[in-house]
Amino acid sequence: MDTAQMTVAQITALLSEQEISLETINRLKMDARISVKRLIDRWETHLRQAQRERERIAALYEYERQLNNEGYSLVAGVDEAGRGPLAGPVMVAAVILPPDCYLPGLNDSKKLTSSQREKLYEEIKNTAIAVNRCAVSPEIIDDINIYQATIRGMYSAIAGLLPVPQAVLIDAVPLPELLIPSKSIISGDQVSASIAAASIIAKVERDQIMNELDCRYPKYGFSRHKGYGTQEHMEALAKYGPCPYHRQSFAPVKAAAIATGCAE
């Protein structure tokens, strides 16, 4: 390939291809054109960034690889979204990823933008061996408390996975009644690929529910704060009192219900 006869536009298109021979790259490096030199510099920078991302993602599979080496090929990750909000369900997700599956950008859902989460959400659903989720309602949260509701949701999300997992990695919460090997990891969504994937599924699907609730109860602004106790949300609670999807046992909701005469 005579790269010296190629235009800058042609070289730009060439460098966007997945496979480029070392011989072609070396020829381009010998090109005297400044614009070509800049293209090569950008290409090499992108290559280094891509390699660092591959290494970062590979490191996220350390816990999964340990279990794989012990003979457990189907490892599920479990995480929740929505323990802290004043309204809406707590959403729990369980995900089984193929071993060392490469999902660029995979991370704790809280470290991602909404658009990044949405993109990874689709990729996870299309790539995962199994995905299951469980939404635990505000009524159950009020009945048994948020921690127990989260535990119930985790057991349910795991139980609904098909194929059945052989081992489970859980974000922080211990699940002693599981009949398969499990490990609870503090900040697991930052160090385990499977838990990170579960955190994204849980967060995106909970956000979808809160967006739907915003259509039904627009005066609370659920689509903007997703039920968290922002100033906007607190002002709406003080003015209108809680709606049926608020967590009545949470102190700010209980106080707003009393102040507005909505308490049962």
C-alpha atoms as a PDB file:
ATOM      1  CA  MET A   1       0.000   0.000   0.000  1.00  0.00           C
ATOM      2  CA  ASP A   2       1.508   3.292  -1.160  1.00  0.00           C
ATOM      3  CA  THR A   3       0.377   5.616   1.607  1.00  0.00           C
ATOM      4  CA  ALA A   4       2.429   8.487   0.191  1.00  0.00           C
ATOM      5  CA  GLN A   5      -0.120   8.787  -2.641  1.00  0.00           C
ATOM      6  CA  MET A   6      -3.105   8.804  -0.287  1.00  0.00           C
ATOM      7  CA  THR A   7      -4.945  11.973   0.676  1.00  0.00           C
ATOM      8  CA  VAL A   8      -5.301  13.009   4.322  1.00  0.00           C
ATOM      9  CA  ALA A   9      -8.990  12.064   4.167  1.00  0.00           C
ATOM     10  CA  GLN A  10      -8.082   8.580   2.915  1.00  0.00           C
ATOM     11  CA  ILE A  11      -5.501   8.151   5.668  1.00  0.00           C
ATOM     12  CA  THR A  12      -8.057   9.273   8.265  1.00  0.00           C
ATOM     13  CA  ALA A  13     -10.446   6.590   7.012  1.00  0.00           C
ATOM     14  CA  LEU A  14      -7.644   4.014   7.002  1.00  0.00           C
ATOM     15  CA  LEU A  15      -6.731   4.726  10.627  1.00  0.00           C
ATOM     16  CA  SER A  16     -10.342   4.226  11.675  1.00  0.00           C
ATOM     17  CA  GLU A  17     -10.197   0.574  10.594  1.00  0.00           C
ATOM     18  CA  GLN A  18      -9.884  -2.124  13.221  1.00  0.00           C
ATOM     19  CA  GLU A  19      -6.858  -3.900  11.748  1.00  0.00           C
ATOM     20  CA  ILE A  20      -3.904  -1.970  10.373  1.00  0.00           C
ATOM     21  CA  SER A  21      -0.619  -3.675   9.586  1.00  0.00           C
ATOM     22  CA  LEU A  22       2.588  -2.612  11.304  1.00  0.00           C
ATOM     23  CA  GLU A  23       4.096  -2.067   7.864  1.00  0.00           C
ATOM     24  CA  THR A  24       1.360   0.455   6.999  1.00  0.00           C
ATOM     25  CA  ILE A  25       1.847   2.309  10.290  1.00  0.00           C
ATOM     26  CA  ASN A  26       5.600   2.482   9.728  1.00  0.00           C
ATOM     27  CA  ARG A  27       5.041   3.888   6.241  1.00  0.00           C
ATOM     28  CA  LEU A  28       2.714   6.547   7.653  1.00  0.00           C
ATOM     29  CA  LYS A  29       5.282   7.488  10.283  1.00  0.00           C
ATOM     30  CA  MET A  30       7.735   8.231   7.492  1.00  0.00           C
ATOM     31  CA  ASP A  31       5.257  10.569   5.758  1.00  0.00           C
ATOM     32  CA  ALA A  32       6.588  14.141   5.863  1.00  0.00           C
ATOM     33  CA  ARG A  33       3.159  15.797   5.934  1.00  0.00           C
ATOM     34  CA  ILE A  34       2.407  17.527   9.257  1.00  0.00           C
ATOM     35  CA  SER A  35      -1.265  16.593   9.049  1.00  0.00           C
ATOM     36  CA  VAL A  36      -0.362  12.916   8.685  1.00  0.00           C
ATOM     37  CA  LYS A  37       2.006  13.122  11.655  1.00  0.00           C
ATOM     38  CA  ARG A  38      -0.825  14.553  13.758  1.00  0.00           C
ATOM     39  CA  LEU A  39      -3.142  11.761  12.642  1.00  0.00           C
ATOM     40  CA  ILE A  40      -0.592   9.136  13.665  1.00  0.00           C
ATOM     41  CA  ASP A  41      -0.032  10.829  17.028  1.00  0.00           C
ATOM     42  CA  ARG A  42      -3.795  10.805  17.707  1.00  0.00           C
ATOM     43  CA  TRP A  43      -4.040   7.185  16.558  1.00  0.00           C
ATOM     44  CA  GLU A  44      -1.262   6.121  18.932  1.00  0.00           C
ATOM     45  CA  THR A  45      -2.835   8.053  21.820  1.00  0.00           C
ATOM     46  CA  HIS A  46      -6.163   6.344  21.163  1.00  0.00           C
ATOM     47  CA  LEU A  47      -4.378   2.981  21.009  1.00  0.00           C
ATOM     48  CA  ARG A  48      -2.765   3.558  24.415  1.00  0.00           C
ATOM     49  CA  GLN A  49      -6.092   4.652  25.920  1.00  0.00           C
ATOM     50  CA  ALA A  50      -7.815   1.563  24.532  1.00  0.00           C
ATOM     51  CA  GLN A  51      -5.115  -0.667  25.995  1.00  0.00           C
ATOM     52  CA  ARG A  52      -5.441   0.962  29.421  1.00  0.00           C
ATOM     53  CA  GLU A  53      -9.220   0.475  29.272  1.00  0.00           C
ATOM     54  CA  ARG A  54      -8.778  -3.219  28.402  1.00  0.00           C
ATOM     55  CA  GLU A  55      -6.430  -3.611  31.357  1.00  0.00           C
ATOM     56  CA  ARG A  56      -8.902  -1.815  33.658  1.00  0.00           C
ATOM     57  CA  ILE A  57     -11.782  -4.021  32.566  1.00  0.00           C
ATOM     58  CA  ALA A  58      -9.650  -7.156  32.881  1.00  0.00           C
ATOM     59  CA  ALA A  59      -8.866  -6.190  36.486  1.00  0.00           C
ATOM     60  CA  LEU A  60     -12.608  -6.016  37.226  1.00  0.00           C
ATOM     61  CA  TYR A  61     -12.830  -9.776  36.659  1.00  0.00           C
ATOM     62  CA  GLU A  62     -10.407 -10.724  39.447  1.00  0.00           C
ATOM     63  CA  TYR A  63     -13.127 -11.990  41.806  1.00  0.00           C
ATOM     64  CA  GLU A  64     -14.910 -13.760  38.956  1.00  0.00           C
ATOM     65  CA  ARG A  65     -11.674 -15.427  37.820  1.00  0.00           C
ATOM     66  CA  GLN A  66     -10.985 -16.674  41.348  1.00  0.00           C
ATOM     67  CA  LEU A  67     -14.355 -18.391  41.359  1.00  0.00           C
ATOM     68  CA  ASN A  68     -13.884 -19.662  37.787  1.00  0.00           C
ATOM     69  CA  ASN A  69     -10.586 -21.244  38.868  1.00  0.00           C
ATOM     70  CA  GLU A  70     -12.442 -23.006  41.676  1.00  0.00           C
ATOM     71  CA  GLY A  71     -14.781 -24.562  39.118  1.00  0.00           C
ATOM     72  CA  TYR A  72     -17.679 -22.089  39.192  1.00  0.00           C
ATOM     73  CA  SER A  73     -18.301 -20.979  35.618  1.00  0.00           C
ATOM     74  CA  LEU A  74     -21.642 -19.212  36.177  1.00  0.00           C
ATOM     75  CA  VAL A  75     -20.935 -16.326  38.559  1.00  0.00           C
ATOM     76  CA  ALA A  76     -23.667 -13.784  39.266  1.00  0.00           C
ATOM     77  CA  GLY A  77     -23.160 -10.218  40.432  1.00  0.00           C
ATOM     78  CA  VAL A  78     -25.869  -8.554  42.551  1.00  0.00           C
ATOM     79  CA  ASP A  79     -26.455  -4.898  43.384  1.00  0.00           C
ATOM     80  CA  GLU A  80     -29.249  -2.481  44.201  1.00  0.00           C
ATOM     81  CA  ALA A  81     -30.292   1.051  43.346  1.00  0.00           C
ATOM     82  CA  GLY A  82     -32.496   3.310  45.422  1.00  0.00           C
ATOM     83  CA  ARG A  83     -31.922   2.571  49.085  1.00  0.00           C
ATOM     84  CA  GLY A  84     -31.633   6.258  49.953  1.00  0.00           C
ATOM     85  CA  PRO A  85     -34.547   7.974  48.151  1.00  0.00           C
ATOM     86  CA  LEU A  86     -37.755   9.048  49.851  1.00  0.00           C
ATOM     87  CA  ALA A  87     -39.968   7.630  47.108  1.00  0.00           C
ATOM     88  CA  GLY A  88     -40.160   4.736  44.683  1.00  0.00           C
ATOM     89  CA  PRO A  89     -39.002   1.128  44.945  1.00  0.00           C
ATOM     90  CA  VAL A  90     -35.587  -0.223  45.731  1.00  0.00           C
ATOM     91  CA  MET A  91     -34.462  -2.022  42.577  1.00  0.00           C
ATOM     92  CA  VAL A  92     -32.193  -5.070  42.753  1.00  0.00           C
ATOM     93  CA  ALA A  93     -30.515  -6.679  39.750  1.00  0.00           C
ATOM     94  CA  ALA A  94     -28.533  -9.883  39.280  1.00  0.00           C
ATOM     95  CA  VAL A  95     -26.336 -10.437  36.221  1.00  0.00           C
ATOM     96  CA  ILE A  96     -24.242 -13.340  34.940  1.00  0.00           C
ATOM     97  CA  LEU A  97     -21.623 -12.184  32.431  1.00  0.00           C
ATOM     98  CA  PRO A  98     -19.576 -14.438  30.150  1.00  0.00           C
ATOM     99  CA  PRO A  99     -16.050 -14.925  31.562  1.00  0.00           C
ATOM    100  CA  ASP A 100     -13.812 -11.913  30.817  1.00  0.00           C
ATOM    101  CA  CYS A 101     -16.509 -10.280  28.695  1.00  0.00           C
ATOM    102  CA  TYR A 102     -15.192  -6.951  27.394  1.00  0.00           C
ATOM    103  CA  LEU A 103     -17.624  -4.076  27.959  1.00  0.00           C
ATOM    104  CA  PRO A 104     -15.738  -0.786  27.431  1.00  0.00           C
ATOM    105  CA  GLY A 105     -16.690   1.827  30.011  1.00  0.00           C
ATOM    106  CA  LEU A 106     -18.108  -0.693  32.499  1.00  0.00           C
ATOM    107  CA  ASN A 107     -18.041   0.849  35.964  1.00  0.00           C
ATOM    108  CA  ASP A 108     -20.021   1.568  39.110  1.00  0.00           C
ATOM    109  CA  SER A 109     -23.273   3.118  37.848  1.00  0.00           C
ATOM    110  CA  LYS A 110     -22.761   6.154  40.102  1.00  0.00           C
ATOM    111  CA  LYS A 111     -19.569   7.015  38.205  1.00  0.00           C
ATOM    112  CA  LEU A 112     -21.315   7.063  34.823  1.00  0.00           C
ATOM    113  CA  THR A 113     -23.431   9.668  33.086  1.00  0.00           C
ATOM    114  CA  SER A 114     -27.024   8.865  32.191  1.00  0.00           C
ATOM    115  CA  SER A 115     -26.124   8.371  28.511  1.00  0.00           C
ATOM    116  CA  GLN A 116     -23.191   6.108  29.417  1.00  0.00           C
ATOM    117  CA  ARG A 117     -25.445   3.999  31.633  1.00  0.00           C
ATOM    118  CA  GLU A 118     -28.092   3.718  28.920  1.00  0.00           C
ATOM    119  CA  LYS A 119     -25.513   2.538  26.364  1.00  0.00           C
ATOM    120  CA  LEU A 120     -24.001  -0.013  28.739  1.00  0.00           C
ATOM    121  CA  TYR A 121     -27.476  -1.123  29.832  1.00  0.00           C
ATOM    122  CA  GLU A 122     -28.263  -2.243  26.285  1.00  0.00           C
ATOM    123  CA  GLU A 123     -24.844  -3.861  25.852  1.00  0.00           C
ATOM    124  CA  ILE A 124     -25.175  -5.772  29.120  1.00  0.00           C
ATOM    125  CA  LYS A 125     -28.647  -7.054  28.210  1.00  0.00           C
ATOM    126  CA  ASN A 126     -27.393  -8.163  24.792  1.00  0.00           C
ATOM    127  CA  THR A 127     -24.209  -9.786  26.131  1.00  0.00           C
ATOM    128  CA  ALA A 128     -25.073 -11.275  29.517  1.00  0.00           C
ATOM    129  CA  ILE A 129     -25.768 -14.958  30.001  1.00  0.00           C
ATOM    130  CA  ALA A 130     -28.620 -14.018  32.340  1.00  0.00           C
ATOM    131  CA  VAL A 131     -30.209 -10.871  33.782  1.00  0.00           C
ATOM    132  CA  ASN A 132     -32.936 -10.664  36.401  1.00  0.00           C
ATOM    133  CA  ARG A 133     -34.287  -7.834  38.495  1.00  0.00           C
ATOM    134  CA  CYS A 134     -36.669  -7.309  41.396  1.00  0.00           C
ATOM    135  CA  ALA A 135     -38.416  -4.067  42.373  1.00  0.00           C
ATOM    136  CA  VAL A 136     -39.348  -3.965  46.057  1.00  0.00           C
ATOM    137  CA  SER A 137     -42.270  -1.610  46.620  1.00  0.00           C
ATOM    138  CA  PRO A 138     -42.462   1.300  49.069  1.00  0.00           C
ATOM    139  CA  GLU A 139     -45.161  -0.636  50.969  1.00  0.00           C
ATOM    140  CA  ILE A 140     -42.758  -3.508  51.652  1.00  0.00           C
ATOM    141  CA  ILE A 141     -39.986  -1.045  52.526  1.00  0.00           C
ATOM    142  CA  ASP A 142     -42.308   0.568  55.072  1.00  0.00           C
ATOM    143  CA  ASP A 143     -43.321  -2.824  56.419  1.00  0.00           C
ATOM    144  CA  ILE A 144     -39.912  -4.456  56.938  1.00  0.00           C
ATOM    145  CA  ASN A 145     -37.422  -1.500  56.588  1.00  0.00           C
ATOM    146  CA  ILE A 146     -35.134  -0.627  53.695  1.00  0.00           C
ATOM    147  CA  TYR A 147     -32.288  -2.966  54.650  1.00  0.00           C
ATOM    148  CA  GLN A 148     -34.531  -6.034  54.909  1.00  0.00           C
ATOM    149  CA  ALA A 149     -36.319  -4.994  51.714  1.00  0.00           C
ATOM    150  CA  THR A 150     -32.966  -4.878  49.929  1.00  0.00           C
ATOM    151  CA  ILE A 151     -32.060  -8.341  51.206  1.00  0.00           C
ATOM    152  CA  ARG A 152     -35.438  -9.718  50.100  1.00  0.00           C
ATOM    153  CA  GLY A 153     -34.939  -8.207  46.657  1.00  0.00           C
ATOM    154  CA  MET A 154     -31.458  -9.706  46.362  1.00  0.00           C
ATOM    155  CA  TYR A 155     -32.651 -13.212  47.193  1.00  0.00           C
ATOM    156  CA  SER A 156     -35.494 -12.835  44.699  1.00  0.00           C
ATOM    157  CA  ALA A 157     -33.273 -11.486  41.904  1.00  0.00           C
ATOM    158  CA  ILE A 158     -30.808 -14.353  42.349  1.00  0.00           C
ATOM    159  CA  ALA A 159     -33.557 -16.984  42.537  1.00  0.00           C
ATOM    160  CA  GLY A 160     -34.994 -15.838  39.204  1.00  0.00           C
ATOM    161  CA  LEU A 161     -31.781 -16.187  37.212  1.00  0.00           C
ATOM    162  CA  LEU A 162     -31.739 -18.746  34.412  1.00  0.00           C
ATOM    163  CA  PRO A 163     -29.390 -20.485  34.107  1.00  0.00           C
ATOM    164  CA  VAL A 164     -29.005 -20.880  37.840  1.00  0.00           C
ATOM    165  CA  PRO A 165     -25.744 -19.319  39.092  1.00  0.00           C
ATOM    166  CA  GLN A 166     -23.096 -21.491  40.720  1.00  0.00           C
ATOM    167  CA  ALA A 167     -21.687 -18.652  42.851  1.00  0.00           C
ATOM    168  CA  VAL A 168     -22.638 -15.081  43.691  1.00  0.00           C
ATOM    169  CA  LEU A 169     -20.768 -11.824  44.257  1.00  0.00           C
ATOM    170  CA  ILE A 170     -22.775  -9.244  46.223  1.00  0.00           C
ATOM    171  CA  ASP A 171     -22.272  -5.552  46.775  1.00  0.00           C
ATOM    172  CA  ALA A 172     -21.675  -5.189  50.536  1.00  0.00           C
ATOM    173  CA  VAL A 173     -24.781  -7.009  51.828  1.00  0.00           C
ATOM    174  CA  PRO A 174     -24.258 -10.546  53.254  1.00  0.00           C
ATOM    175  CA  LEU A 175     -26.782 -13.175  52.185  1.00  0.00           C
ATOM    176  CA  PRO A 176     -26.211 -16.060  54.608  1.00  0.00           C
ATOM    177  CA  GLU A 177     -29.225 -18.087  53.463  1.00  0.00           C
ATOM    178  CA  LEU A 178     -27.876 -18.630  49.950  1.00  0.00           C
ATOM    179  CA  LEU A 179     -27.276 -22.299  49.219  1.00  0.00           C
ATOM    180  CA  ILE A 180     -24.415 -21.578  46.817  1.00  0.00           C
ATOM    181  CA  PRO A 181     -20.999 -19.999  47.475  1.00  0.00           C
ATOM    182  CA  SER A 182     -21.167 -16.226  47.841  1.00  0.00           C
ATOM    183  CA  LYS A 183     -18.932 -13.306  48.706  1.00  0.00           C
ATOM    184  CA  SER A 184     -20.033  -9.876  49.902  1.00  0.00           C
ATOM    185  CA  ILE A 185     -17.637  -7.161  48.743  1.00  0.00           C
ATOM    186  CA  ILE A 186     -17.527  -3.629  50.121  1.00  0.00           C
ATOM    187  CA  SER A 187     -17.821  -1.211  47.161  1.00  0.00           C
ATOM    188  CA  GLY A 188     -18.195  -4.279  44.987  1.00  0.00           C
ATOM    189  CA  ASP A 189     -19.604  -2.229  42.106  1.00  0.00           C
ATOM    190  CA  GLN A 190     -16.143  -0.632  41.780  1.00  0.00           C
ATOM    191  CA  VAL A 191     -14.090  -3.833  41.763  1.00  0.00           C
ATOM    192  CA  SER A 192     -16.273  -6.547  40.218  1.00  0.00           C
ATOM    193  CA  ALA A 193     -17.482  -6.553  36.616  1.00  0.00           C
ATOM    194  CA  SER A 194     -20.583  -8.604  37.444  1.00  0.00           C
ATOM    195  CA  ILE A 195     -21.616  -6.353  40.326  1.00  0.00           C
ATOM    196  CA  ALA A 196     -20.944  -3.233  38.232  1.00  0.00           C
ATOM    197  CA  ALA A 197     -23.175  -4.642  35.489  1.00  0.00           C
ATOM    198  CA  ALA A 198     -25.903  -5.338  38.040  1.00  0.00           C
ATOM    199  CA  SER A 199     -25.607  -1.793  39.396  1.00  0.00           C
ATOM    200  CA  ILE A 200     -26.206  -0.398  35.908  1.00  0.00           C
ATOM    201  CA  ILE A 201     -29.247  -2.606  35.264  1.00  0.00           C
ATOM    202  CA  ALA A 202     -30.719  -1.663  38.650  1.00  0.00           C
ATOM    203  CA  LYS A 203     -30.050   2.057  38.261  1.00  0.00           C
ATOM    204  CA  VAL A 204     -31.392   2.378  34.705  1.00  0.00           C
ATOM    205  CA  GLU A 205     -34.553   0.393  35.404  1.00  0.00           C
ATOM    206  CA  ARG A 206     -35.245   2.274  38.633  1.00  0.00           C
ATOM    207  CA  ASP A 207     -34.787   5.582  36.792  1.00  0.00           C
ATOM    208  CA  GLN A 208     -37.294   4.376  34.204  1.00  0.00           C
ATOM    209  CA  ILE A 209     -39.831   3.706  36.959  1.00  0.00           C
ATOM    210  CA  MET A 210     -39.267   7.140  38.474  1.00  0.00           C
ATOM    211  CA  ASN A 211     -39.722   8.766  35.063  1.00  0.00           C
ATOM    212  CA  GLU A 212     -43.062   6.962  34.767  1.00  0.00           C
ATOM    213  CA  LEU A 213     -44.062   8.149  38.240  1.00  0.00           C
ATOM    214  CA  ASP A 214     -43.175  11.690  37.181  1.00  0.00           C
ATOM    215  CA  CYS A 215     -45.860  11.475  34.499  1.00  0.00           C
ATOM    216  CA  ARG A 216     -48.415  10.406  37.115  1.00  0.00           C
ATOM    217  CA  TYR A 217     -47.294  12.838  39.830  1.00  0.00           C
ATOM    218  CA  PRO A 218     -45.582  15.714  37.983  1.00  0.00           C
ATOM    219  CA  LYS A 219     -45.674  18.151  40.906  1.00  0.00           C
ATOM    220  CA  TYR A 220     -42.902  16.237  42.727  1.00  0.00           C
ATOM    221  CA  GLY A 221     -40.286  16.337  39.938  1.00  0.00           C
ATOM    222  CA  PHE A 222     -39.443  12.620  40.146  1.00  0.00           C
ATOM    223  CA  SER A 223     -37.791  12.589  36.705  1.00  0.00           C
ATOM    224  CA  ARG A 224     -35.213  15.111  37.905  1.00  0.00           C
ATOM    225  CA  HIS A 225     -34.281  13.842  41.357  1.00  0.00           C
ATOM    226  CA  LYS A 226     -35.473  10.219  41.130  1.00  0.00           C
ATOM    227  CA  GLY A 227     -37.000  10.420  44.596  1.00  0.00           C
ATOM    228  CA  TYR A 228     -33.929  11.617  46.477  1.00  0.00           C
ATOM    229  CA  GLY A 229     -34.350  14.324  49.099  1.00  0.00           C
ATOM    230  CA  THR A 230     -33.287  17.312  47.023  1.00  0.00           C
ATOM    231  CA  GLN A 231     -34.437  20.821  47.883  1.00  0.00           C
ATOM    232  CA  GLU A 232     -36.991  20.678  45.070  1.00  0.00           C
ATOM    233  CA  HIS A 233     -38.386  17.395  46.373  1.00  0.00           C
ATOM    234  CA  MET A 234     -38.504  18.579  49.988  1.00  0.00           C
ATOM    235  CA  GLU A 235     -40.343  21.743  48.976  1.00  0.00           C
ATOM    236  CA  ALA A 236     -42.897  19.699  47.033  1.00  0.00           C
ATOM    237  CA  LEU A 237     -43.377  17.368  50.002  1.00  0.00           C
ATOM    238  CA  ALA A 238     -43.909  20.341  52.306  1.00  0.00           C
ATOM    239  CA  LYS A 239     -46.473  21.837  49.924  1.00  0.00           C
ATOM    240  CA  TYR A 240     -48.396  18.773  48.749  1.00  0.00           C
ATOM    241  CA  GLY A 241     -47.613  16.056  51.273  1.00  0.00           C
ATOM    242  CA  PRO A 242     -46.590  12.542  50.177  1.00  0.00           C
ATOM    243  CA  CYS A 243     -48.048  10.582  47.268  1.00  0.00           C
ATOM    244  CA  PRO A 244     -48.810   6.828  47.425  1.00  0.00           C
ATOM    245  CA  TYR A 245     -45.297   6.022  46.196  1.00  0.00           C
ATOM    246  CA  HIS A 246     -43.481   7.847  48.968  1.00  0.00           C
ATOM    247  CA  ARG A 247     -41.884   5.764  51.700  1.00  0.00           C
ATOM    248  CA  GLN A 248     -44.147   6.618  54.605  1.00  0.00           C
ATOM    249  CA  SER A 249     -41.737   5.251  57.223  1.00  0.00           C
ATOM    250  CA  PHE A 250     -38.918   7.608  56.210  1.00  0.00           C
ATOM    251  CA  ALA A 251     -38.670  10.538  58.642  1.00  0.00           C
ATOM    252  CA  PRO A 252     -38.937  13.432  56.131  1.00  0.00           C
ATOM    253  CA  VAL A 253     -41.985  11.838  54.504  1.00  0.00           C
ATOM    254  CA  LYS A 254     -43.607  11.138  57.861  1.00  0.00           C
ATOM    255  CA  ALA A 255     -43.001  14.733  58.956  1.00  0.00           C
ATOM    256  CA  ALA A 256     -44.438  16.111  55.695  1.00  0.00           C
ATOM    257  CA  ALA A 257     -47.511  13.897  56.050  1.00  0.00           C
ATOM    258  CA  ILE A 258     -48.177  15.247  59.540  1.00  0.00           C
ATOM    259  CA  ALA A 259     -47.528  18.873  58.534  1.00  0.00           C
ATOM    260  CA  THR A 260     -49.894  18.690  55.565  1.00  0.00           C
ATOM    261  CA  GLY A 261     -52.555  16.658  57.321  1.00  0.00           C
ATOM    262  CA  CYS A 262     -51.987  13.613  55.119  1.00  0.00           C
ATOM    263  CA  ALA A 263     -50.915  11.283  57.918  1.00  0.00           C
ATOM    264  CA  GLU A 264     -53.005   8.172  58.346  1.00  0.00           C
END
